[in-house]
Amino acid sequence: MSIERTSGSFDDFVLVEFGPILALGLALLNDRDDALDVAQETMARAHERWAVVGALDRPGAWARRVALNLVTDTQRRRSRRLRLVARLRSQPHAVPNATSPEPWDRAFWDRVAALPRRQRDVTVLHYVHDLSIAEIAEIVEAPEGTVKSDLSRARARLRAELEGGDT
């Protein structure tokens, strides 16, 4: 594995560095799809900044730092997703008679996807991305009170649907 200077072309850089970056992602994430995402995103970022990266003495070292940061981001997303699932499972009647999390997860996310657009957006931003009401309000360009209201309506609708009631 080389982290030293390549011959200077981006194509050579990819030929030398893609495999080692993919191996790094596989070792740390233990998931081929996530590791491929990390390797591809690392190469995309190198390409965007090739004028600077290509001039570095050790562009491979730069690529590994980027890949490590992307691995950390992926691990954080996984952690947020797991916290959300745990939070939802702890709700009373959230998963009636569920014997396996897989069908429930799919059914739940289908319900989230079916919410009105802004309710869906604020729900995902709040629970998946773990953002505050103020941060969500900035992203969706709505007053904080509207975000709170949308989130409350989304929760009520999801709770009613998960408990078997009507919306």
Protein backbone atom coordinates (compact mmCIF):
# COMPACT_ATOMS: atom_id res chain seq x y z
CA MET A 1 0.00 0.00 0.00
CA SER A 2 1.47 3.27 -1.06
CA ILE A 3 0.75 6.58 0.56
CA GLU A 4 3.67 8.19 -1.22
CA ARG A 5 3.43 10.41 -4.26
CA THR A 6 1.92 8.82 -7.38
CA SER A 7 3.03 9.71 -10.90
CA GLY A 8 0.78 12.77 -10.83
CA SER A 9 -2.35 11.79 -12.70
CA PHE A 10 -5.64 11.31 -10.95
CA ASP A 11 -6.16 8.01 -12.79
CA ASP A 12 -2.87 6.67 -11.39
CA PHE A 13 -3.88 7.87 -7.93
CA VAL A 14 -7.16 5.94 -8.16
CA LEU A 15 -5.40 2.79 -9.41
CA VAL A 16 -2.95 2.90 -6.50
CA GLU A 17 -5.23 4.11 -3.70
CA PHE A 18 -8.76 2.81 -4.30
CA GLY A 19 -8.04 -0.75 -3.12
CA PRO A 20 -6.30 0.26 0.11
CA ILE A 21 -9.05 2.79 0.90
CA LEU A 22 -11.69 0.11 0.29
CA ALA A 23 -9.77 -2.27 2.59
CA LEU A 24 -9.65 0.41 5.28
CA GLY A 25 -13.43 0.87 5.04
CA LEU A 26 -14.06 -2.88 5.15
CA ALA A 27 -11.85 -3.32 8.20
CA LEU A 28 -13.54 -0.53 10.14
CA LEU A 29 -17.15 -0.85 8.98
CA ASN A 30 -17.46 -4.58 8.29
CA ASP A 31 -19.94 -3.81 5.50
CA ARG A 32 -19.00 -3.94 1.82
CA ASP A 33 -21.60 -1.40 0.67
CA ASP A 34 -20.60 1.15 3.30
CA ALA A 35 -16.92 0.56 2.55
CA LEU A 36 -17.53 1.10 -1.17
CA ASP A 37 -19.38 4.32 -0.38
CA VAL A 38 -16.41 5.52 1.69
CA ALA A 39 -13.89 4.63 -1.03
CA GLN A 40 -15.94 6.22 -3.79
CA GLU A 41 -16.61 9.39 -1.81
CA THR A 42 -12.91 9.64 -0.96
CA MET A 43 -12.02 9.44 -4.64
CA ALA A 44 -14.72 11.97 -5.54
CA ARG A 45 -13.34 14.43 -2.99
CA ALA A 46 -9.80 13.87 -4.25
CA HIS A 47 -10.97 14.51 -7.80
CA GLU A 48 -12.72 17.75 -6.79
CA ARG A 49 -9.49 18.97 -5.15
CA TRP A 50 -6.98 17.28 -7.43
CA ALA A 51 -5.03 20.46 -8.10
CA VAL A 52 -4.17 20.59 -4.40
CA VAL A 53 -4.21 16.87 -3.53
CA GLY A 54 -2.13 15.88 -6.55
CA ALA A 55 0.56 18.35 -5.51
CA LEU A 56 0.90 16.89 -2.00
CA ASP A 57 3.96 14.82 -1.16
CA ARG A 58 1.66 12.08 0.19
CA PRO A 59 -1.77 12.22 -1.45
CA GLY A 60 -2.45 8.70 -0.14
CA ALA A 61 -2.14 9.96 3.43
CA TRP A 62 -4.64 12.72 2.63
CA ALA A 63 -7.00 10.11 1.17
CA ARG A 64 -6.76 7.94 4.28
CA ARG A 65 -7.57 10.89 6.53
CA VAL A 66 -10.64 11.66 4.38
CA ALA A 67 -11.64 7.98 4.45
CA LEU A 68 -11.29 7.82 8.24
CA ASN A 69 -13.52 10.89 8.57
CA LEU A 70 -16.10 9.29 6.27
CA VAL A 71 -15.95 6.06 8.32
CA THR A 72 -16.65 8.12 11.45
CA ASP A 73 -19.63 9.77 9.71
CA THR A 74 -20.97 6.35 8.69
CA GLN A 75 -20.60 5.02 12.23
CA ARG A 76 -22.44 8.06 13.61
CA ARG A 77 -25.32 7.51 11.16
CA ARG A 78 -25.52 3.87 12.23
CA SER A 79 -25.55 4.90 15.88
CA ARG A 80 -28.34 7.45 15.30
CA ARG A 81 -30.36 4.84 13.43
CA LEU A 82 -29.95 2.33 16.26
CA ARG A 83 -30.95 4.93 18.88
CA LEU A 84 -34.05 5.77 16.85
CA VAL A 85 -35.08 2.14 16.56
CA ALA A 86 -34.50 1.60 20.29
CA ARG A 87 -36.50 4.74 21.11
CA LEU A 88 -39.38 3.68 18.89
CA ARG A 89 -39.39 0.14 20.25
CA SER A 90 -39.61 1.46 23.78
CA GLN A 91 -42.88 3.23 22.99
CA PRO A 92 -45.97 1.38 24.27
CA HIS A 93 -47.71 -0.52 21.49
CA ALA A 94 -45.16 0.69 18.98
CA VAL A 95 -44.52 -2.83 17.73
CA PRO A 96 -47.56 -4.97 18.48
CA ASN A 97 -46.90 -8.70 18.14
CA ALA A 98 -43.64 -8.15 16.28
CA THR A 99 -41.49 -11.25 16.19
CA SER A 100 -38.75 -9.76 14.03
CA PRO A 101 -37.56 -6.18 13.67
CA GLU A 102 -37.25 -6.41 9.87
CA PRO A 103 -40.97 -6.33 8.94
CA TRP A 104 -41.61 -3.66 11.56
CA ASP A 105 -38.79 -1.42 10.37
CA ARG A 106 -40.01 -1.59 6.79
CA ALA A 107 -43.64 -0.96 7.78
CA PHE A 108 -42.68 1.93 10.01
CA TRP A 109 -40.52 3.64 7.39
CA ASP A 110 -43.24 3.11 4.79
CA ARG A 111 -45.58 5.01 7.14
CA VAL A 112 -43.02 7.77 7.63
CA ALA A 113 -42.58 8.06 3.86
CA ALA A 114 -46.37 8.38 3.47
CA LEU A 115 -46.59 11.37 5.81
CA PRO A 116 -47.17 14.80 4.28
CA ARG A 117 -43.86 16.17 2.99
CA ARG A 118 -42.95 18.55 5.81
CA GLN A 119 -44.09 16.13 8.54
CA ARG A 120 -41.94 13.45 6.92
CA ASP A 121 -38.97 15.80 6.63
CA VAL A 122 -39.09 17.07 10.22
CA THR A 123 -39.54 13.51 11.54
CA VAL A 124 -36.46 12.24 9.71
CA LEU A 125 -34.39 15.30 10.59
CA HIS A 126 -35.34 15.02 14.26
CA TYR A 127 -35.04 11.27 14.80
CA VAL A 128 -32.53 10.11 12.22
CA HIS A 129 -30.27 13.15 12.13
CA ASP A 130 -30.88 14.01 15.81
CA LEU A 131 -31.32 17.72 15.04
CA SER A 132 -32.90 20.28 17.35
CA ILE A 133 -36.13 22.09 16.53
CA ALA A 134 -34.12 25.26 15.78
CA GLU A 135 -31.81 23.40 13.39
CA ILE A 136 -34.75 21.78 11.62
CA ALA A 137 -36.54 25.12 11.34
CA GLU A 138 -33.49 26.58 9.62
CA ILE A 139 -33.25 23.67 7.18
CA VAL A 140 -36.93 23.56 6.21
CA GLU A 141 -37.20 27.36 6.34
CA ALA A 142 -40.17 27.39 8.68
CA PRO A 143 -40.80 28.95 12.11
CA GLU A 144 -39.86 26.79 15.11
CA GLY A 145 -43.51 26.67 16.19
CA THR A 146 -44.49 25.22 12.81
CA VAL A 147 -41.76 22.58 13.10
CA LYS A 148 -43.00 21.63 16.59
CA SER A 149 -46.55 21.41 15.27
CA ASP A 150 -45.53 19.31 12.25
CA LEU A 151 -43.51 16.97 14.45
CA SER A 152 -46.38 16.62 16.91
CA ARG A 153 -48.85 15.84 14.12
CA ALA A 154 -46.46 13.31 12.59
CA ARG A 155 -46.00 11.57 15.95
CA ALA A 156 -49.74 11.45 16.55
CA ARG A 157 -50.42 10.05 13.11
CA LEU A 158 -47.66 7.43 13.38
CA ARG A 159 -48.78 6.46 16.89
CA ALA A 160 -52.38 6.05 15.72
CA GLU A 161 -51.32 3.96 12.74
CA LEU A 162 -48.96 1.79 14.78
CA GLU A 163 -51.68 1.19 17.37
CA GLY A 164 -54.03 0.14 14.61
CA GLY A 165 -56.22 3.24 14.69
CA ASP A 166 -57.19 5.61 11.92
CA THR A 167 -55.39 8.84 11.17
